[in-house]
């Protein structure tokens, strides 16, 4: 029988943790381990996590970033199937049981995407990811009413980071150095990056609409370029720095001229607007650009490792 564990990364998540952990404890098929990595929260998150006796907590002394925290959790999860999820998610009671069933019945399946709905009933958050012409991640069905769109079991490009499910054997093949998720990212873009790498390794990534989770994702944000750009512009300058840095680290590692050359005009147009607006809204981040050469060199090294394993 396949075993399944889940890793949650928490940072000042007290608002969501009880509902999140209740939904995990009360699954029809029990998780082998529920691991919560807390990134040095300053709110009541740690006390809430500790109140669940069946939950294992890794309490960090500093905020190590999302990717590093996920990697620590994966190492402690010890199961055949590993779910990576955000704390602002709760799960249908049959989530674990159906997930195990899909992997049992699909031996070549490497990565699974559930149907992720918003907290508001009937609104889609993600039915899997695809890459846009400008090579940004796009969530299928984002912000649309479930009853108004057709969704079906299908292969997809990558999986929304709110809930991603891996076969452990496949995760082991995705390691670069000693990292599953790229710890240079800190946060943002890591889901698209690892999904793109899985595509380069010819892994099978599928979306299953009967496996359901629910995600908050900043309330009722609608899907269009203006609202998403406005959301980005409202973030702190440190976050904007990671958004820009991680965008280009992802491209350096995964872009292949032979396959992706036709995306170049769309990348140039989109990025002139996107990077320009982020930079103009927070001129301080220009000072941080001196760090780019280091990160980009690291990404180039990882690119070479990826290419060797394609």
Protein backbone atom coordinates (compact mmCIF):
# COMPACT_ATOMS: atom_id res chain seq x y z
CA UNK A 1 0.00 0.00 0.00
CA UNK A 2 1.35 3.43 -0.96
CA UNK A 3 1.94 5.83 1.93
CA UNK A 4 1.19 9.55 1.76
CA UNK A 5 2.49 12.49 3.81
CA UNK A 6 2.00 16.24 3.61
CA UNK A 7 4.32 19.20 4.16
CA UNK A 8 2.90 22.62 5.09
CA UNK A 9 5.08 25.74 5.25
CA UNK A 10 3.79 28.31 7.71
CA UNK A 11 4.73 31.94 8.28
CA UNK A 12 2.41 34.06 10.43
CA UNK A 13 -0.48 31.89 9.31
CA UNK A 14 -2.58 31.74 12.49
CA UNK A 15 -5.64 32.90 10.55
CA UNK A 16 -5.74 29.69 8.49
CA UNK A 17 -3.89 26.98 10.38
CA UNK A 18 -6.70 25.50 12.47
CA UNK A 19 -8.96 24.94 9.45
CA UNK A 20 -5.99 23.64 7.46
CA UNK A 21 -4.87 21.13 10.09
CA UNK A 22 -8.41 20.05 11.01
CA UNK A 23 -8.98 19.10 7.37
CA UNK A 24 -5.75 17.05 7.36
CA UNK A 25 -6.40 15.25 10.64
CA UNK A 26 -9.94 14.33 9.57
CA UNK A 27 -9.09 12.69 6.25
CA UNK A 28 -10.84 9.41 5.42
CA UNK A 29 -7.41 7.94 4.70
CA UNK A 30 -4.87 9.09 7.26
CA UNK A 31 -1.62 10.73 6.28
CA UNK A 32 1.48 8.86 7.40
CA UNK A 33 2.94 12.20 8.53
CA UNK A 34 1.68 15.77 8.69
CA UNK A 35 4.77 17.98 8.82
CA UNK A 36 4.52 21.74 9.38
CA UNK A 37 7.66 23.81 8.91
CA UNK A 38 7.26 27.15 10.65
CA UNK A 39 9.48 29.95 9.30
CA UNK A 40 9.94 31.76 12.64
CA UNK A 41 6.38 33.14 12.89
CA UNK A 42 5.83 36.07 15.24
CA UNK A 43 2.09 35.41 15.71
CA UNK A 44 0.34 32.48 17.42
CA UNK A 45 1.08 29.99 14.63
CA UNK A 46 3.44 27.75 16.61
CA UNK A 47 0.99 27.35 19.52
CA UNK A 48 -1.80 26.41 17.11
CA UNK A 49 0.40 23.81 15.41
CA UNK A 50 1.50 22.35 18.76
CA UNK A 51 -2.13 21.95 19.82
CA UNK A 52 -2.46 19.17 17.20
CA UNK A 53 -0.77 16.15 18.77
CA UNK A 54 -0.55 14.21 15.49
CA UNK A 55 1.25 17.04 13.67
CA UNK A 56 5.05 17.19 13.54
CA UNK A 57 6.46 20.71 13.73
CA UNK A 58 9.84 21.94 12.55
CA UNK A 59 10.27 25.33 14.20
CA UNK A 60 12.97 27.44 12.54
CA UNK A 61 14.95 30.18 14.28
CA UNK A 62 14.75 32.45 11.22
CA UNK A 63 12.69 32.85 8.08
CA UNK A 64 14.64 30.60 5.72
CA UNK A 65 12.26 31.15 2.81
CA UNK A 66 9.58 28.93 1.33
CA UNK A 67 11.83 26.71 -0.79
CA UNK A 68 14.30 25.88 1.99
CA UNK A 69 11.42 25.13 4.38
CA UNK A 70 9.77 22.81 1.84
CA UNK A 71 13.04 20.93 1.36
CA UNK A 72 13.37 20.39 5.11
CA UNK A 73 9.81 19.10 5.27
CA UNK A 74 10.29 16.71 2.34
CA UNK A 75 13.30 15.16 4.09
CA UNK A 76 11.14 14.50 7.18
CA UNK A 77 8.04 13.29 5.34
CA UNK A 78 9.14 9.70 4.70
CA UNK A 79 6.42 8.42 2.37
CA UNK A 80 5.84 7.22 -1.19
CA UNK A 81 3.70 10.27 -2.04
CA UNK A 82 4.44 13.78 -0.80
CA UNK A 83 1.95 16.65 -0.83
CA UNK A 84 3.35 20.20 -0.64
CA UNK A 85 0.79 22.80 0.39
CA UNK A 86 0.25 26.31 1.71
CA UNK A 87 -1.37 26.92 5.11
CA UNK A 88 -4.24 28.93 3.57
CA UNK A 89 -5.63 25.72 2.06
CA UNK A 90 -8.07 23.16 3.37
CA UNK A 91 -8.79 19.75 1.90
CA UNK A 92 -11.86 17.70 0.98
CA UNK A 93 -12.15 14.66 3.32
CA UNK A 94 -11.33 12.20 0.52
CA UNK A 95 -8.27 14.12 -0.74
CA UNK A 96 -5.63 11.68 0.58
CA UNK A 97 -7.61 8.55 -0.34
CA UNK A 98 -8.26 9.66 -3.93
CA UNK A 99 -4.66 10.85 -4.37
CA UNK A 100 -3.26 7.47 -3.35
CA UNK A 101 -5.74 5.78 -5.68
CA UNK A 102 -4.62 7.89 -8.66
CA UNK A 103 -0.96 7.04 -8.15
CA UNK A 104 -1.82 3.37 -7.65
CA UNK A 105 -3.78 3.28 -10.93
CA UNK A 106 -1.31 5.45 -12.89
CA UNK A 107 2.12 3.91 -12.40
CA UNK A 108 3.82 6.39 -14.74
CA UNK A 109 2.36 9.43 -12.97
CA UNK A 110 5.06 11.68 -11.49
CA UNK A 111 3.26 14.84 -10.35
CA UNK A 112 -0.43 15.40 -9.63
CA UNK A 113 -2.56 18.54 -9.57
CA UNK A 114 -5.88 18.53 -7.73
CA UNK A 115 -8.73 20.87 -8.56
CA UNK A 116 -8.09 23.93 -6.40
CA UNK A 117 -11.17 26.02 -5.66
CA UNK A 118 -11.45 29.34 -3.83
CA UNK A 119 -12.94 29.59 -0.37
CA UNK A 120 -15.96 31.13 -2.10
CA UNK A 121 -18.09 28.26 -3.31
CA UNK A 122 -17.76 27.26 -6.95
CA UNK A 123 -14.91 29.56 -8.03
CA UNK A 124 -11.82 27.95 -9.60
CA UNK A 125 -8.39 28.92 -8.32
CA UNK A 126 -6.35 26.48 -10.42
CA UNK A 127 -7.00 23.49 -12.64
CA UNK A 128 -3.29 23.12 -13.36
CA UNK A 129 -0.77 25.52 -14.88
CA UNK A 130 0.30 26.23 -18.42
CA UNK A 131 2.93 28.63 -19.72
CA UNK A 132 1.89 31.82 -21.45
CA UNK A 133 3.42 33.21 -24.64
CA UNK A 134 5.64 35.39 -22.42
CA UNK A 135 6.57 32.30 -20.35
CA UNK A 136 4.72 33.30 -17.21
CA UNK A 137 2.74 30.66 -15.30
CA UNK A 138 -1.00 30.83 -15.89
CA UNK A 139 -3.55 29.03 -13.73
CA UNK A 140 -6.19 27.26 -15.83
CA UNK A 141 -9.70 28.41 -14.93
CA UNK A 142 -8.43 31.11 -12.58
CA UNK A 143 -11.31 33.12 -11.07
CA UNK A 144 -14.02 31.49 -13.20
CA UNK A 145 -17.18 29.76 -12.04
CA UNK A 146 -16.71 26.00 -12.01
CA UNK A 147 -20.15 25.36 -13.51
CA UNK A 148 -19.35 27.56 -16.51
CA UNK A 149 -16.17 25.87 -17.67
CA UNK A 150 -15.29 22.41 -18.90
CA UNK A 151 -12.65 20.66 -16.85
CA UNK A 152 -11.49 17.10 -17.28
CA UNK A 153 -8.61 14.82 -16.40
CA UNK A 154 -5.70 15.88 -18.57
CA UNK A 155 -1.94 16.28 -18.77
CA UNK A 156 -0.70 19.76 -17.82
CA UNK A 157 2.55 21.72 -17.84
CA UNK A 158 2.97 22.39 -14.11
CA UNK A 159 1.06 22.58 -10.83
CA UNK A 160 0.01 25.54 -8.68
CA UNK A 161 2.25 25.77 -5.61
CA UNK A 162 -0.76 26.03 -3.29
CA UNK A 163 -1.11 22.23 -3.53
CA UNK A 164 1.35 20.04 -5.45
CA UNK A 165 1.62 16.25 -5.15
CA UNK A 166 4.78 14.33 -6.01
CA UNK A 167 5.76 10.71 -6.22
CA UNK A 168 8.85 10.54 -4.01
CA UNK A 169 10.76 8.58 -6.62
CA UNK A 170 10.16 11.43 -9.07
CA UNK A 171 11.16 14.07 -6.53
CA UNK A 172 14.49 12.32 -6.12
CA UNK A 173 15.11 12.69 -9.85
CA UNK A 174 14.38 16.42 -9.67
CA UNK A 175 17.11 17.16 -7.11
CA UNK A 176 19.71 19.70 -8.21
CA UNK A 177 22.69 19.51 -5.88
CA UNK A 178 20.92 18.71 -2.62
CA UNK A 179 17.81 20.76 -3.31
CA UNK A 180 14.37 19.71 -4.52
CA UNK A 181 13.06 23.29 -4.66
CA UNK A 182 15.67 25.92 -5.56
CA UNK A 183 16.55 27.64 -2.28
CA UNK A 184 17.98 30.66 -4.10
CA UNK A 185 14.39 31.60 -4.93
CA UNK A 186 13.39 32.22 -1.28
CA UNK A 187 9.75 32.41 -2.45
CA UNK A 188 7.70 32.82 -5.65
CA UNK A 189 8.18 31.07 -9.02
CA UNK A 190 9.39 27.86 -7.37
CA UNK A 191 6.31 25.89 -8.47
CA UNK A 192 6.69 26.89 -12.13
CA UNK A 193 10.44 26.27 -11.99
CA UNK A 194 10.18 22.71 -10.69
CA UNK A 195 7.29 21.98 -13.07
CA UNK A 196 9.32 23.21 -16.05
CA UNK A 197 12.25 21.05 -14.93
CA UNK A 198 9.92 18.05 -14.71
CA UNK A 199 8.85 18.73 -18.31
CA UNK A 200 12.48 18.84 -19.43
CA UNK A 201 12.93 15.46 -17.74
CA UNK A 202 9.87 14.15 -19.64
CA UNK A 203 7.88 13.50 -16.48
CA UNK A 204 4.13 12.92 -16.51
CA UNK A 205 2.11 15.68 -14.83
CA UNK A 206 -1.67 15.30 -14.67
CA UNK A 207 -4.71 17.20 -13.40
CA UNK A 208 -7.52 15.28 -11.68
CA UNK A 209 -10.77 17.24 -11.15
CA UNK A 210 -12.24 14.81 -8.60
CA UNK A 211 -9.46 15.55 -6.06
CA UNK A 212 -10.38 18.86 -4.42
CA UNK A 213 -8.70 21.44 -2.18
CA UNK A 214 -9.72 25.01 -1.30
CA UNK A 215 -7.37 28.00 -1.39
CA UNK A 216 -7.80 31.54 -0.07
CA UNK A 217 -5.50 33.36 -2.56
CA UNK A 218 -6.11 36.98 -1.56
CA UNK A 219 -9.86 36.71 -1.57
CA UNK A 220 -11.71 37.44 -4.78
CA UNK A 221 -8.90 38.67 -7.03
CA UNK A 222 -9.98 38.51 -10.66
CA UNK A 223 -7.87 37.25 -13.52
CA UNK A 224 -6.56 40.02 -15.72
CA UNK A 225 -3.19 41.65 -16.28
CA UNK A 226 -4.15 44.97 -14.63
CA UNK A 227 -5.38 43.48 -11.34
CA UNK A 228 -2.49 41.04 -11.13
CA UNK A 229 0.00 43.83 -11.86
CA UNK A 230 -1.67 46.04 -9.23
CA UNK A 231 -1.38 43.19 -6.73
CA UNK A 232 2.34 42.90 -7.51
CA UNK A 233 2.84 46.68 -7.26
CA UNK A 234 1.35 46.67 -3.77
CA UNK A 235 3.93 44.23 -2.42
CA UNK A 236 6.96 45.26 -0.31
CA UNK A 237 10.18 46.06 -2.21
CA UNK A 238 11.88 42.88 -0.92
CA UNK A 239 9.13 40.76 -2.46
CA UNK A 240 9.38 42.65 -5.76
CA UNK A 241 13.10 41.92 -5.83
CA UNK A 242 12.42 38.17 -5.49
CA UNK A 243 9.70 38.31 -8.14
CA UNK A 244 12.09 39.83 -10.69
CA UNK A 245 15.12 37.75 -9.67
CA UNK A 246 13.22 34.47 -9.70
CA UNK A 247 11.65 35.20 -13.07
CA UNK A 248 15.07 35.35 -14.71
CA UNK A 249 16.55 32.50 -12.68
CA UNK A 250 13.69 30.35 -13.99
CA UNK A 251 14.41 31.38 -17.57
CA UNK A 252 18.17 30.87 -17.25
CA UNK A 253 17.69 27.32 -15.97
CA UNK A 254 14.87 26.14 -18.19
CA UNK A 255 14.59 28.19 -21.40
CA UNK A 256 15.68 26.19 -24.44
CA UNK A 257 16.22 28.21 -27.62
CA UNK A 258 15.37 25.30 -29.88
CA UNK A 259 11.95 24.85 -28.28
CA UNK A 260 11.13 28.35 -26.95
CA UNK A 261 12.58 30.79 -29.52
CA UNK A 262 9.13 32.02 -30.63
CA UNK A 263 8.41 33.26 -27.09
CA UNK A 264 11.21 35.86 -27.21
CA UNK A 265 9.17 38.83 -28.62
CA UNK A 266 6.41 38.21 -26.05
CA UNK A 267 8.96 38.00 -23.21
CA UNK A 268 10.50 41.33 -24.23
CA UNK A 269 7.16 43.14 -24.46
CA UNK A 270 5.74 41.74 -21.21
CA UNK A 271 8.92 42.19 -19.19
CA UNK A 272 9.54 45.77 -20.24
CA UNK A 273 6.13 46.65 -18.78
CA UNK A 274 6.25 44.30 -15.78
CA UNK A 275 9.82 44.94 -14.61
CA UNK A 276 9.51 48.63 -15.42
CA UNK A 277 6.38 49.06 -13.30
CA UNK A 278 7.78 47.07 -10.38
CA UNK A 279 11.01 49.06 -10.44
CA UNK A 280 9.33 52.45 -10.77
CA UNK A 281 6.95 51.65 -7.92
CA UNK A 282 9.86 50.74 -5.61
CA UNK A 283 13.09 52.40 -6.83
CA UNK A 284 14.93 50.96 -3.79
CA UNK A 285 15.03 47.53 -5.42
CA UNK A 286 17.48 48.90 -8.01
CA UNK A 287 20.08 48.91 -5.22
CA UNK A 288 19.56 45.17 -4.80
CA UNK A 289 20.26 44.47 -8.47
CA UNK A 290 23.97 44.14 -7.64
CA UNK A 291 23.06 40.68 -6.27
CA UNK A 292 21.82 39.48 -9.65
CA UNK A 293 25.21 38.32 -11.03
CA UNK A 294 25.68 35.91 -8.11
CA UNK A 295 22.19 34.42 -8.43
CA UNK A 296 22.43 34.22 -12.20
CA UNK A 297 25.79 32.42 -12.04
CA UNK A 298 24.25 29.91 -9.65
CA UNK A 299 21.33 29.42 -12.03
CA UNK A 300 23.67 28.85 -14.96
CA UNK A 301 25.48 26.13 -12.99
CA UNK A 302 22.13 24.47 -12.27
CA UNK A 303 21.16 24.81 -15.93
CA UNK A 304 24.18 22.73 -16.89
CA UNK A 305 23.21 20.02 -14.38
CA UNK A 306 19.64 19.98 -15.72
CA UNK A 307 20.83 19.69 -19.32
CA UNK A 308 23.04 16.73 -18.39
CA UNK A 309 19.96 14.90 -17.07
CA UNK A 310 17.48 15.73 -19.83
